[in-house]
Amino acid sequence: MRNVADMTMQPIHGGAIPQITLRTRLRVAREFAGLEQSELAQRAGISRATISNAERGLATPNRATLSMWAFACGVDVHWLMTGETNNAPAPDDGAGASDARPKGLEPLTF
């Protein structure tokens, strides 16, 4: 732990981002969904032992298990697997969308 006297009041630019491990993301996803391990096991169709071992870091779930885990918890599978978020706007959020129709789909005019 750092001594308070050693700290300055200067802002830290580009501060460090702590690495969040897969096992932590798995637990956070489950808790975010408000599920106990047994509830997640039933909802995702995976064993409670698999969930427990993954959350303790004793085993790494395969891609299919991670996908079921993400779906059951309602979290992004890419975030669950990598810890990275996709900041691109969703296609249906209307961000930057215009009212223009794609070329070739103009209404007929007579």
PDB file of N, CA and C in Angstrom:
ATOM      1  N   MET A   1       0.837  -1.171   0.000  1.00  0.00           N
ATOM      2  CA  MET A   1       0.000   0.000   0.000  1.00  0.00           C
ATOM      3  C   MET A   1       0.883   1.234   0.000  1.00  0.00           C
ATOM      4  N   ARG A   2       0.481   2.214  -0.794  1.00  0.00           N
ATOM      5  CA  ARG A   2       1.274   3.439  -0.877  1.00  0.00           C
ATOM      6  C   ARG A   2       0.995   4.337   0.316  1.00  0.00           C
ATOM      7  N   ASN A   3       2.018   5.064   0.729  1.00  0.00           N
ATOM      8  CA  ASN A   3       1.901   6.019   1.801  1.00  0.00           C
ATOM      9  C   ASN A   3       1.209   7.266   1.256  1.00  0.00           C
ATOM     10  N   VAL A   4       0.242   7.797   1.987  1.00  0.00           N
ATOM     11  CA  VAL A   4      -0.495   8.978   1.543  1.00  0.00           C
ATOM     12  C   VAL A   4       0.447  10.150   1.326  1.00  0.00           C
ATOM     13  N   ALA A   5       1.498  10.261   2.111  1.00  0.00           N
ATOM     14  CA  ALA A   5       2.454  11.365   1.979  1.00  0.00           C
ATOM     15  C   ALA A   5       3.199  11.293   0.641  1.00  0.00           C
ATOM     16  N   ASP A   6       3.314  10.102   0.069  1.00  0.00           N
ATOM     17  CA  ASP A   6       4.015   9.941  -1.204  1.00  0.00           C
ATOM     18  C   ASP A   6       3.158  10.349  -2.404  1.00  0.00           C
ATOM     19  N   MET A   7       1.853  10.455  -2.203  1.00  0.00           N
ATOM     20  CA  MET A   7       0.958  10.786  -3.315  1.00  0.00           C
ATOM     21  C   MET A   7       0.961  12.288  -3.573  1.00  0.00           C
ATOM     22  N   THR A   8       0.791  12.634  -4.814  1.00  0.00           N
ATOM     23  CA  THR A   8       0.679  14.044  -5.170  1.00  0.00           C
ATOM     24  C   THR A   8      -0.740  14.337  -5.593  1.00  0.00           C
ATOM     25  N   MET A   9      -1.053  15.584  -5.732  1.00  0.00           N
ATOM     26  CA  MET A   9      -2.384  15.988  -6.173  1.00  0.00           C
ATOM     27  C   MET A   9      -2.440  16.130  -7.684  1.00  0.00           C
ATOM     28  N   GLN A  10      -1.396  15.715  -8.362  1.00  0.00           N
ATOM     29  CA  GLN A  10      -1.375  15.801  -9.819  1.00  0.00           C
ATOM     30  C   GLN A  10      -2.271  14.711 -10.404  1.00  0.00           C
ATOM     31  N   PRO A  11      -3.080  15.085 -11.405  1.00  0.00           N
ATOM     32  CA  PRO A  11      -3.938  14.063 -12.017  1.00  0.00           C
ATOM     33  C   PRO A  11      -3.098  13.035 -12.774  1.00  0.00           C
ATOM     34  N   ILE A  12      -3.557  11.841 -12.771  1.00  0.00           N
ATOM     35  CA  ILE A  12      -2.882  10.780 -13.509  1.00  0.00           C
ATOM     36  C   ILE A  12      -3.553  10.671 -14.863  1.00  0.00           C
ATOM     37  N   HIS A  13      -2.776  10.872 -15.906  1.00  0.00           N
ATOM     38  CA  HIS A  13      -3.311  10.775 -17.253  1.00  0.00           C
ATOM     39  C   HIS A  13      -3.000   9.389 -17.793  1.00  0.00           C
ATOM     40  N   GLY A  14      -3.990   8.791 -18.430  1.00  0.00           N
ATOM     41  CA  GLY A  14      -3.761   7.464 -18.979  1.00  0.00           C
ATOM     42  C   GLY A  14      -3.503   6.442 -17.890  1.00  0.00           C
ATOM     43  N   GLY A  15      -4.297   6.518 -16.825  1.00  0.00           N
ATOM     44  CA  GLY A  15      -4.113   5.613 -15.701  1.00  0.00           C
ATOM     45  C   GLY A  15      -4.206   4.154 -16.107  1.00  0.00           C
ATOM     46  N   ALA A  16      -3.684   3.324 -15.286  1.00  0.00           N
ATOM     47  CA  ALA A  16      -3.668   1.891 -15.552  1.00  0.00           C
ATOM     48  C   ALA A  16      -5.072   1.315 -15.468  1.00  0.00           C
ATOM     49  N   ILE A  17      -5.321   0.304 -16.252  1.00  0.00           N
ATOM     50  CA  ILE A  17      -6.580  -0.418 -16.211  1.00  0.00           C
ATOM     51  C   ILE A  17      -6.261  -1.813 -15.680  1.00  0.00           C
ATOM     52  N   PRO A  18      -6.839  -2.170 -14.547  1.00  0.00           N
ATOM     53  CA  PRO A  18      -6.511  -3.479 -13.980  1.00  0.00           C
ATOM     54  C   PRO A  18      -6.996  -4.610 -14.886  1.00  0.00           C
ATOM     55  N   GLN A  19      -6.206  -5.662 -14.964  1.00  0.00           N
ATOM     56  CA  GLN A  19      -6.571  -6.831 -15.745  1.00  0.00           C
ATOM     57  C   GLN A  19      -7.598  -7.638 -14.957  1.00  0.00           C
ATOM     58  N   ILE A  20      -8.756  -7.848 -15.549  1.00  0.00           N
ATOM     59  CA  ILE A  20      -9.792  -8.644 -14.911  1.00  0.00           C
ATOM     60  C   ILE A  20      -9.720 -10.047 -15.509  1.00  0.00           C
ATOM     61  N   THR A  21      -9.538 -11.022 -14.681  1.00  0.00           N
ATOM     62  CA  THR A  21      -9.359 -12.388 -15.157  1.00  0.00           C
ATOM     63  C   THR A  21     -10.688 -12.992 -15.612  1.00  0.00           C
ATOM     64  N   LEU A  22     -10.587 -14.052 -16.403  1.00  0.00           N
ATOM     65  CA  LEU A  22     -11.779 -14.752 -16.869  1.00  0.00           C
ATOM     66  C   LEU A  22     -12.608 -15.240 -15.696  1.00  0.00           C
ATOM     67  N   ARG A  23     -11.975 -15.814 -14.699  1.00  0.00           N
ATOM     68  CA  ARG A  23     -12.731 -16.337 -13.566  1.00  0.00           C
ATOM     69  C   ARG A  23     -13.517 -15.244 -12.855  1.00  0.00           C
ATOM     70  N   THR A  24     -12.961 -14.034 -12.798  1.00  0.00           N
ATOM     71  CA  THR A  24     -13.675 -12.919 -12.173  1.00  0.00           C
ATOM     72  C   THR A  24     -14.848 -12.480 -13.038  1.00  0.00           C
ATOM     73  N   ARG A  25     -14.634 -12.403 -14.363  1.00  0.00           N
ATOM     74  CA  ARG A  25     -15.733 -12.026 -15.264  1.00  0.00           C
ATOM     75  C   ARG A  25     -16.873 -13.039 -15.196  1.00  0.00           C
ATOM     76  N   LEU A  26     -16.533 -14.317 -15.079  1.00  0.00           N
ATOM     77  CA  LEU A  26     -17.564 -15.349 -14.979  1.00  0.00           C
ATOM     78  C   LEU A  26     -18.417 -15.145 -13.732  1.00  0.00           C
ATOM     79  N   ARG A  27     -17.761 -14.886 -12.612  1.00  0.00           N
ATOM     80  CA  ARG A  27     -18.496 -14.662 -11.358  1.00  0.00           C
ATOM     81  C   ARG A  27     -19.318 -13.385 -11.423  1.00  0.00           C
ATOM     82  N   VAL A  28     -18.708 -12.321 -11.974  1.00  0.00           N
ATOM     83  CA  VAL A  28     -19.414 -11.042 -12.085  1.00  0.00           C
ATOM     84  C   VAL A  28     -20.651 -11.189 -12.971  1.00  0.00           C
ATOM     85  N   ALA A  29     -20.526 -11.907 -14.076  1.00  0.00           N
ATOM     86  CA  ALA A  29     -21.668 -12.116 -14.971  1.00  0.00           C
ATOM     87  C   ALA A  29     -22.795 -12.840 -14.242  1.00  0.00           C
ATOM     88  N   ARG A  30     -22.450 -13.881 -13.499  1.00  0.00           N
ATOM     89  CA  ARG A  30     -23.464 -14.635 -12.763  1.00  0.00           C
ATOM     90  C   ARG A  30     -24.134 -13.771 -11.705  1.00  0.00           C
ATOM     91  N   GLU A  31     -23.330 -13.031 -10.948  1.00  0.00           N
ATOM     92  CA  GLU A  31     -23.890 -12.166  -9.910  1.00  0.00           C
ATOM     93  C   GLU A  31     -24.704 -11.027 -10.511  1.00  0.00           C
ATOM     94  N   PHE A  32     -24.261 -10.500 -11.667  1.00  0.00           N
ATOM     95  CA  PHE A  32     -25.001  -9.449 -12.364  1.00  0.00           C
ATOM     96  C   PHE A  32     -26.409  -9.931 -12.714  1.00  0.00           C
ATOM     97  N   ALA A  33     -26.513 -11.203 -13.096  1.00  0.00           N
ATOM     98  CA  ALA A  33     -27.808 -11.789 -13.443  1.00  0.00           C
ATOM     99  C   ALA A  33     -28.615 -12.179 -12.210  1.00  0.00           C
ATOM    100  N   GLY A  34     -28.001 -12.067 -11.029  1.00  0.00           N
ATOM    101  CA  GLY A  34     -28.695 -12.402  -9.788  1.00  0.00           C
ATOM    102  C   GLY A  34     -28.898 -13.901  -9.615  1.00  0.00           C
ATOM    103  N   LEU A  35     -27.955 -14.689 -10.125  1.00  0.00           N
ATOM    104  CA  LEU A  35     -28.093 -16.138 -10.092  1.00  0.00           C
ATOM    105  C   LEU A  35     -27.112 -16.779  -9.119  1.00  0.00           C
ATOM    106  N   GLU A  36     -27.572 -17.826  -8.457  1.00  0.00           N
ATOM    107  CA  GLU A  36     -26.688 -18.699  -7.698  1.00  0.00           C
ATOM    108  C   GLU A  36     -26.066 -19.671  -8.696  1.00  0.00           C
ATOM    109  N   GLN A  37     -24.995 -20.344  -8.299  1.00  0.00           N
ATOM    110  CA  GLN A  37     -24.345 -21.291  -9.203  1.00  0.00           C
ATOM    111  C   GLN A  37     -25.318 -22.371  -9.677  1.00  0.00           C
ATOM    112  N   SER A  38     -26.150 -22.873  -8.798  1.00  0.00           N
ATOM    113  CA  SER A  38     -27.102 -23.924  -9.180  1.00  0.00           C
ATOM    114  C   SER A  38     -28.140 -23.402 -10.169  1.00  0.00           C
ATOM    115  N   GLU A  39     -28.564 -22.154 -10.012  1.00  0.00           N
ATOM    116  CA  GLU A  39     -29.528 -21.559 -10.942  1.00  0.00           C
ATOM    117  C   GLU A  39     -28.907 -21.366 -12.321  1.00  0.00           C
ATOM    118  N   LEU A  40     -27.661 -20.904 -12.347  1.00  0.00           N
ATOM    119  CA  LEU A  40     -26.971 -20.746 -13.626  1.00  0.00           C
ATOM    120  C   LEU A  40     -26.786 -22.100 -14.296  1.00  0.00           C
ATOM    121  N   ALA A  41     -26.443 -23.117 -13.519  1.00  0.00           N
ATOM    122  CA  ALA A  41     -26.257 -24.456 -14.076  1.00  0.00           C
ATOM    123  C   ALA A  41     -27.530 -24.940 -14.755  1.00  0.00           C
ATOM    124  N   GLN A  42     -28.643 -24.744 -14.103  1.00  0.00           N
ATOM    125  CA  GLN A  42     -29.916 -25.181 -14.675  1.00  0.00           C
ATOM    126  C   GLN A  42     -30.268 -24.354 -15.915  1.00  0.00           C
ATOM    127  N   ARG A  43     -30.106 -23.048 -15.834  1.00  0.00           N
ATOM    128  CA  ARG A  43     -30.466 -22.160 -16.944  1.00  0.00           C
ATOM    129  C   ARG A  43     -29.574 -22.383 -18.163  1.00  0.00           C
ATOM    130  N   ALA A  44     -28.269 -22.594 -17.944  1.00  0.00           N
ATOM    131  CA  ALA A  44     -27.319 -22.717 -19.049  1.00  0.00           C
ATOM    132  C   ALA A  44     -27.130 -24.163 -19.513  1.00  0.00           C
ATOM    133  N   GLY A  45     -27.611 -25.113 -18.730  1.00  0.00           N
ATOM    134  CA  GLY A  45     -27.452 -26.508 -19.104  1.00  0.00           C
ATOM    135  C   GLY A  45     -26.030 -27.019 -18.926  1.00  0.00           C
ATOM    136  N   ILE A  46     -25.349 -26.488 -17.928  1.00  0.00           N
ATOM    137  CA  ILE A  46     -23.992 -26.951 -17.607  1.00  0.00           C
ATOM    138  C   ILE A  46     -23.974 -27.349 -16.136  1.00  0.00           C
ATOM    139  N   SER A  47     -23.005 -28.142 -15.746  1.00  0.00           N
ATOM    140  CA  SER A  47     -22.990 -28.631 -14.365  1.00  0.00           C
ATOM    141  C   SER A  47     -22.550 -27.542 -13.391  1.00  0.00           C
ATOM    142  N   ARG A  48     -23.040 -27.679 -12.162  1.00  0.00           N
ATOM    143  CA  ARG A  48     -22.635 -26.740 -11.128  1.00  0.00           C
ATOM    144  C   ARG A  48     -21.144 -26.872 -10.844  1.00  0.00           C
ATOM    145  N   ALA A  49     -20.603 -28.082 -10.957  1.00  0.00           N
ATOM    146  CA  ALA A  49     -19.171 -28.301 -10.749  1.00  0.00           C
ATOM    147  C   ALA A  49     -18.352 -27.531 -11.787  1.00  0.00           C
ATOM    148  N   THR A  50     -18.828 -27.504 -13.030  1.00  0.00           N
ATOM    149  CA  THR A  50     -18.139 -26.740 -14.082  1.00  0.00           C
ATOM    150  C   THR A  50     -18.114 -25.261 -13.724  1.00  0.00           C
ATOM    151  N   ILE A  51     -19.231 -24.759 -13.242  1.00  0.00           N
ATOM    152  CA  ILE A  51     -19.327 -23.349 -12.853  1.00  0.00           C
ATOM    153  C   ILE A  51     -18.386 -23.060 -11.685  1.00  0.00           C
ATOM    154  N   SER A  52     -18.425 -23.906 -10.682  1.00  0.00           N
ATOM    155  CA  SER A  52     -17.576 -23.713  -9.511  1.00  0.00           C
ATOM    156  C   SER A  52     -16.093 -23.755  -9.894  1.00  0.00           C
ATOM    157  N   ASN A  53     -15.708 -24.740 -10.675  1.00  0.00           N
ATOM    158  CA  ASN A  53     -14.301 -24.860 -11.075  1.00  0.00           C
ATOM    159  C   ASN A  53     -13.850 -23.673 -11.924  1.00  0.00           C
ATOM    160  N   ALA A  54     -14.713 -23.192 -12.795  1.00  0.00           N
ATOM    161  CA  ALA A  54     -14.361 -22.047 -13.645  1.00  0.00           C
ATOM    162  C   ALA A  54     -14.205 -20.781 -12.806  1.00  0.00           C
ATOM    163  N   GLU A  55     -15.124 -20.567 -11.874  1.00  0.00           N
ATOM    164  CA  GLU A  55     -15.064 -19.371 -11.045  1.00  0.00           C
ATOM    165  C   GLU A  55     -13.887 -19.403 -10.070  1.00  0.00           C
ATOM    166  N   ARG A  56     -13.394 -20.572  -9.741  1.00  0.00           N
ATOM    167  CA  ARG A  56     -12.230 -20.684  -8.869  1.00  0.00           C
ATOM    168  C   ARG A  56     -10.930 -20.723  -9.667  1.00  0.00           C
ATOM    169  N   GLY A  57     -11.041 -20.726 -10.995  1.00  0.00           N
ATOM    170  CA  GLY A  57      -9.852 -20.735 -11.836  1.00  0.00           C
ATOM    171  C   GLY A  57      -9.204 -22.095 -11.962  1.00  0.00           C
ATOM    172  N   LEU A  58      -9.913 -23.155 -11.608  1.00  0.00           N
ATOM    173  CA  LEU A  58      -9.365 -24.502 -11.680  1.00  0.00           C
ATOM    174  C   LEU A  58      -9.522 -25.117 -13.065  1.00  0.00           C
ATOM    175  N   ALA A  59     -10.439 -24.551 -13.862  1.00  0.00           N
ATOM    176  CA  ALA A  59     -10.670 -25.049 -15.224  1.00  0.00           C
ATOM    177  C   ALA A  59     -11.079 -23.877 -16.101  1.00  0.00           C
ATOM    178  N   THR A  60     -10.760 -23.986 -17.379  1.00  0.00           N
ATOM    179  CA  THR A  60     -11.159 -22.954 -18.340  1.00  0.00           C
ATOM    180  C   THR A  60     -12.278 -23.512 -19.207  1.00  0.00           C
ATOM    181  N   PRO A  61     -13.455 -22.881 -19.158  1.00  0.00           N
ATOM    182  CA  PRO A  61     -14.572 -23.379 -19.958  1.00  0.00           C
ATOM    183  C   PRO A  61     -14.286 -23.253 -21.456  1.00  0.00           C
ATOM    184  N   ASN A  62     -14.847 -24.176 -22.241  1.00  0.00           N
ATOM    185  CA  ASN A  62     -14.688 -24.085 -23.692  1.00  0.00           C
ATOM    186  C   ASN A  62     -15.618 -23.002 -24.243  1.00  0.00           C
ATOM    187  N   ARG A  63     -15.468 -22.735 -25.525  1.00  0.00           N
ATOM    188  CA  ARG A  63     -16.219 -21.647 -26.165  1.00  0.00           C
ATOM    189  C   ARG A  63     -17.733 -21.849 -26.051  1.00  0.00           C
ATOM    190  N   ALA A  64     -18.192 -23.075 -26.231  1.00  0.00           N
ATOM    191  CA  ALA A  64     -19.636 -23.350 -26.150  1.00  0.00           C
ATOM    192  C   ALA A  64     -20.165 -23.061 -24.745  1.00  0.00           C
ATOM    193  N   THR A  65     -19.421 -23.475 -23.735  1.00  0.00           N
ATOM    194  CA  THR A  65     -19.828 -23.221 -22.355  1.00  0.00           C
ATOM    195  C   THR A  65     -19.850 -21.729 -22.068  1.00  0.00           C
ATOM    196  N   LEU A  66     -18.845 -21.002 -22.557  1.00  0.00           N
ATOM    197  CA  LEU A  66     -18.814 -19.547 -22.356  1.00  0.00           C
ATOM    198  C   LEU A  66     -20.002 -18.880 -23.039  1.00  0.00           C
ATOM    199  N   SER A  67     -20.365 -19.350 -24.212  1.00  0.00           N
ATOM    200  CA  SER A  67     -21.512 -18.787 -24.927  1.00  0.00           C
ATOM    201  C   SER A  67     -22.806 -19.024 -24.151  1.00  0.00           C
ATOM    202  N   MET A  68     -22.987 -20.242 -23.638  1.00  0.00           N
ATOM    203  CA  MET A  68     -24.191 -20.542 -22.850  1.00  0.00           C
ATOM    204  C   MET A  68     -24.217 -19.726 -21.563  1.00  0.00           C
ATOM    205  N   TRP A  69     -23.047 -19.564 -20.950  1.00  0.00           N
ATOM    206  CA  TRP A  69     -22.926 -18.791 -19.710  1.00  0.00           C
ATOM    207  C   TRP A  69     -23.336 -17.343 -19.974  1.00  0.00           C
ATOM    208  N   ALA A  70     -22.793 -16.763 -21.037  1.00  0.00           N
ATOM    209  CA  ALA A  70     -23.105 -15.370 -21.386  1.00  0.00           C
ATOM    210  C   ALA A  70     -24.588 -15.207 -21.677  1.00  0.00           C
ATOM    211  N   PHE A  71     -25.147 -16.112 -22.468  1.00  0.00           N
ATOM    212  CA  PHE A  71     -26.563 -16.028 -22.823  1.00  0.00           C
ATOM    213  C   PHE A  71     -27.442 -16.132 -21.580  1.00  0.00           C
ATOM    214  N   ALA A  72     -27.134 -17.075 -20.707  1.00  0.00           N
ATOM    215  CA  ALA A  72     -27.925 -17.278 -19.491  1.00  0.00           C
ATOM    216  C   ALA A  72     -27.858 -16.072 -18.559  1.00  0.00           C
ATOM    217  N   CYS A  73     -26.729 -15.366 -18.580  1.00  0.00           N
ATOM    218  CA  CYS A  73     -26.551 -14.205 -17.694  1.00  0.00           C
ATOM    219  C   CYS A  73     -26.933 -12.882 -18.354  1.00  0.00           C
ATOM    220  N   GLY A  74     -27.137 -12.905 -19.663  1.00  0.00           N
ATOM    221  CA  GLY A  74     -27.508 -11.676 -20.360  1.00  0.00           C
ATOM    222  C   GLY A  74     -26.343 -10.722 -20.536  1.00  0.00           C
ATOM    223  N   VAL A  75     -25.136 -11.258 -20.669  1.00  0.00           N
ATOM    224  CA  VAL A  75     -23.966 -10.406 -20.886  1.00  0.00           C
ATOM    225  C   VAL A  75     -23.376 -10.689 -22.266  1.00  0.00           C
ATOM    226  N   ASP A  76     -22.569  -9.773 -22.737  1.00  0.00           N
ATOM    227  CA  ASP A  76     -21.926  -9.908 -24.039  1.00  0.00           C
ATOM    228  C   ASP A  76     -20.885 -11.021 -23.997  1.00  0.00           C
ATOM    229  N   VAL A  77     -20.990 -11.968 -24.929  1.00  0.00           N
ATOM    230  CA  VAL A  77     -20.075 -13.106 -24.936  1.00  0.00           C
ATOM    231  C   VAL A  77     -18.642 -12.659 -25.217  1.00  0.00           C
ATOM    232  N   HIS A  78     -18.463 -11.631 -26.056  1.00  0.00           N
ATOM    233  CA  HIS A  78     -17.119 -11.132 -26.343  1.00  0.00           C
ATOM    234  C   HIS A  78     -16.478 -10.578 -25.069  1.00  0.00           C
ATOM    235  N   TRP A  79     -17.246  -9.829 -24.291  1.00  0.00           N
ATOM    236  CA  TRP A  79     -16.716  -9.307 -23.024  1.00  0.00           C
ATOM    237  C   TRP A  79     -16.382 -10.462 -22.080  1.00  0.00           C
ATOM    238  N   LEU A  80     -17.278 -11.436 -22.008  1.00  0.00           N
ATOM    239  CA  LEU A  80     -17.030 -12.547 -21.102  1.00  0.00           C
ATOM    240  C   LEU A  80     -15.743 -13.276 -21.467  1.00  0.00           C
ATOM    241  N   MET A  81     -15.508 -13.476 -22.754  1.00  0.00           N
ATOM    242  CA  MET A  81     -14.324 -14.216 -23.200  1.00  0.00           C
ATOM    243  C   MET A  81     -13.035 -13.407 -23.090  1.00  0.00           C
ATOM    244  N   THR A  82     -13.101 -12.115 -23.411  1.00  0.00           N
ATOM    245  CA  THR A  82     -11.871 -11.323 -23.540  1.00  0.00           C
ATOM    246  C   THR A  82     -11.716 -10.204 -22.520  1.00  0.00           C
ATOM    247  N   GLY A  83     -12.801  -9.743 -21.946  1.00  0.00           N
ATOM    248  CA  GLY A  83     -12.750  -8.590 -21.054  1.00  0.00           C
ATOM    249  C   GLY A  83     -12.803  -7.278 -21.801  1.00  0.00           C
ATOM    250  N   GLU A  84     -12.943  -7.339 -23.134  1.00  0.00           N
ATOM    251  CA  GLU A  84     -13.010  -6.139 -23.961  1.00  0.00           C
ATOM    252  C   GLU A  84     -14.459  -5.864 -24.342  1.00  0.00           C
ATOM    253  N   THR A  85     -14.771  -4.580 -24.470  1.00  0.00           N
ATOM    254  CA  THR A  85     -16.111  -4.209 -24.893  1.00  0.00           C
ATOM    255  C   THR A  85     -16.084  -3.736 -26.329  1.00  0.00           C
ATOM    256  N   ASN A  86     -17.182  -3.925 -26.998  1.00  0.00           N
ATOM    257  CA  ASN A  86     -17.342  -3.449 -28.362  1.00  0.00           C
ATOM    258  C   ASN A  86     -18.069  -2.114 -28.272  1.00  0.00           C
ATOM    259  N   ASN A  87     -17.369  -1.029 -28.557  1.00  0.00           N
ATOM    260  CA  ASN A  87     -17.948   0.304 -28.417  1.00  0.00           C
ATOM    261  C   ASN A  87     -18.659   0.794 -29.668  1.00  0.00           C
ATOM    262  N   ALA A  88     -18.744  -0.043 -30.692  1.00  0.00           N
ATOM    263  CA  ALA A  88     -19.442   0.359 -31.913  1.00  0.00           C
ATOM    264  C   ALA A  88     -20.933   0.475 -31.614  1.00  0.00           C
ATOM    265  N   PRO A  89     -21.604   1.474 -32.193  1.00  0.00           N
ATOM    266  CA  PRO A  89     -23.037   1.611 -31.933  1.00  0.00           C
ATOM    267  C   PRO A  89     -23.800   0.426 -32.515  1.00  0.00           C
ATOM    268  N   ALA A  90     -24.828   0.022 -31.804  1.00  0.00           N
ATOM    269  CA  ALA A  90     -25.670  -1.080 -32.281  1.00  0.00           C
ATOM    270  C   ALA A  90     -26.414  -0.632 -33.534  1.00  0.00           C
ATOM    271  N   PRO A  91     -26.703  -1.547 -34.449  1.00  0.00           N
ATOM    272  CA  PRO A  91     -27.350  -1.164 -35.690  1.00  0.00           C
ATOM    273  C   PRO A  91     -28.730  -0.574 -35.496  1.00  0.00           C
ATOM    274  N   ASP A  92     -29.411  -0.871 -34.407  1.00  0.00           N
ATOM    275  CA  ASP A  92     -30.766  -0.374 -34.214  1.00  0.00           C
ATOM    276  C   ASP A  92     -30.852   0.789 -33.229  1.00  0.00           C
ATOM    277  N   ASP A  93     -29.724   1.354 -32.806  1.00  0.00           N
ATOM    278  CA  ASP A  93     -29.797   2.429 -31.813  1.00  0.00           C
ATOM    279  C   ASP A  93     -30.003   3.805 -32.436  1.00  0.00           C
ATOM    280  N   GLY A  94     -29.940   3.907 -33.769  1.00  0.00           N
ATOM    281  CA  GLY A  94     -30.214   5.159 -34.444  1.00  0.00           C
ATOM    282  C   GLY A  94     -29.071   6.143 -34.423  1.00  0.00           C
ATOM    283  N   ALA A  95     -27.955   5.807 -33.811  1.00  0.00           N
ATOM    284  CA  ALA A  95     -26.825   6.734 -33.746  1.00  0.00           C
ATOM    285  C   ALA A  95     -26.245   6.936 -35.132  1.00  0.00           C
ATOM    286  N   GLY A  96     -26.307   8.144 -35.619  1.00  0.00           N
ATOM    287  CA  GLY A  96     -25.728   8.469 -36.915  1.00  0.00           C
ATOM    288  C   GLY A  96     -26.550   7.990 -38.090  1.00  0.00           C
ATOM    289  N   ALA A  97     -27.703   7.418 -37.816  1.00  0.00           N
ATOM    290  CA  ALA A  97     -28.531   6.933 -38.916  1.00  0.00           C
ATOM    291  C   ALA A  97     -29.228   8.106 -39.586  1.00  0.00           C
ATOM    292  N   SER A  98     -29.337   8.028 -40.876  1.00  0.00           N
ATOM    293  CA  SER A  98     -30.051   9.072 -41.610  1.00  0.00           C
ATOM    294  C   SER A  98     -31.334   8.485 -42.157  1.00  0.00           C
ATOM    295  N   ASP A  99     -32.197   9.360 -42.651  1.00  0.00           N
ATOM    296  CA  ASP A  99     -33.457   8.914 -43.221  1.00  0.00           C
ATOM    297  C   ASP A  99     -33.305   8.494 -44.677  1.00  0.00           C
ATOM    298  N   ALA A 100     -32.109   8.586 -45.227  1.00  0.00           N
ATOM    299  CA  ALA A 100     -31.888   8.230 -46.631  1.00  0.00           C
ATOM    300  C   ALA A 100     -32.025   6.730 -46.823  1.00  0.00           C
ATOM    301  N   ARG A 101     -32.633   6.360 -47.930  1.00  0.00           N
ATOM    302  CA  ARG A 101     -32.763   4.946 -48.265  1.00  0.00           C
ATOM    303  C   ARG A 101     -31.552   4.506 -49.061  1.00  0.00           C
ATOM    304  N   PRO A 102     -31.191   3.242 -48.951  1.00  0.00           N
ATOM    305  CA  PRO A 102     -30.095   2.752 -49.781  1.00  0.00           C
ATOM    306  C   PRO A 102     -30.432   2.891 -51.260  1.00  0.00           C
ATOM    307  N   LYS A 103     -29.425   3.157 -52.066  1.00  0.00           N
ATOM    308  CA  LYS A 103     -29.642   3.339 -53.498  1.00  0.00           C
ATOM    309  C   LYS A 103     -30.305   2.096 -54.074  1.00  0.00           C
ATOM    310  N   GLY A 104     -31.300   2.325 -54.922  1.00  0.00           N
ATOM    311  CA  GLY A 104     -32.034   1.237 -55.538  1.00  0.00           C
ATOM    312  C   GLY A 104     -33.334   0.924 -54.826  1.00  0.00           C
ATOM    313  N   LEU A 105     -33.550   1.509 -53.672  1.00  0.00           N
ATOM    314  CA  LEU A 105     -34.801   1.252 -52.932  1.00  0.00           C
ATOM    315  C   LEU A 105     -35.673   2.509 -52.859  1.00  0.00           C
ATOM    316  N   GLU A 106     -35.483   3.424 -53.803  1.00  0.00           N
ATOM    317  CA  GLU A 106     -36.300   4.622 -53.810  1.00  0.00           C
ATOM    318  C   GLU A 106     -37.727   4.263 -54.231  1.00  0.00           C
ATOM    319  N   PRO A 107     -38.715   4.972 -53.704  1.00  0.00           N
ATOM    320  CA  PRO A 107     -40.089   4.700 -54.125  1.00  0.00           C
ATOM    321  C   PRO A 107     -40.293   5.123 -55.589  1.00  0.00           C
ATOM    322  N   LEU A 108     -41.194   4.431 -56.247  1.00  0.00           N
ATOM    323  CA  LEU A 108     -41.506   4.778 -57.626  1.00  0.00           C
ATOM    324  C   LEU A 108     -42.193   6.132 -57.684  1.00  0.00           C
ATOM    325  N   THR A 109     -41.822   6.925 -58.634  1.00  0.00           N
ATOM    326  CA  THR A 109     -42.483   8.231 -58.839  1.00  0.00           C
ATOM    327  C   THR A 109     -42.971   8.284 -60.279  1.00  0.00           C
ATOM    328  N   PHE A 110     -44.206   8.606 -60.478  1.00  0.00           N
ATOM    329  CA  PHE A 110     -44.780   8.688 -61.834  1.00  0.00           C
ATOM    330  C   PHE A 110     -45.185  10.080 -62.154  1.00  0.00           C
TER     331      PHE A 110
END
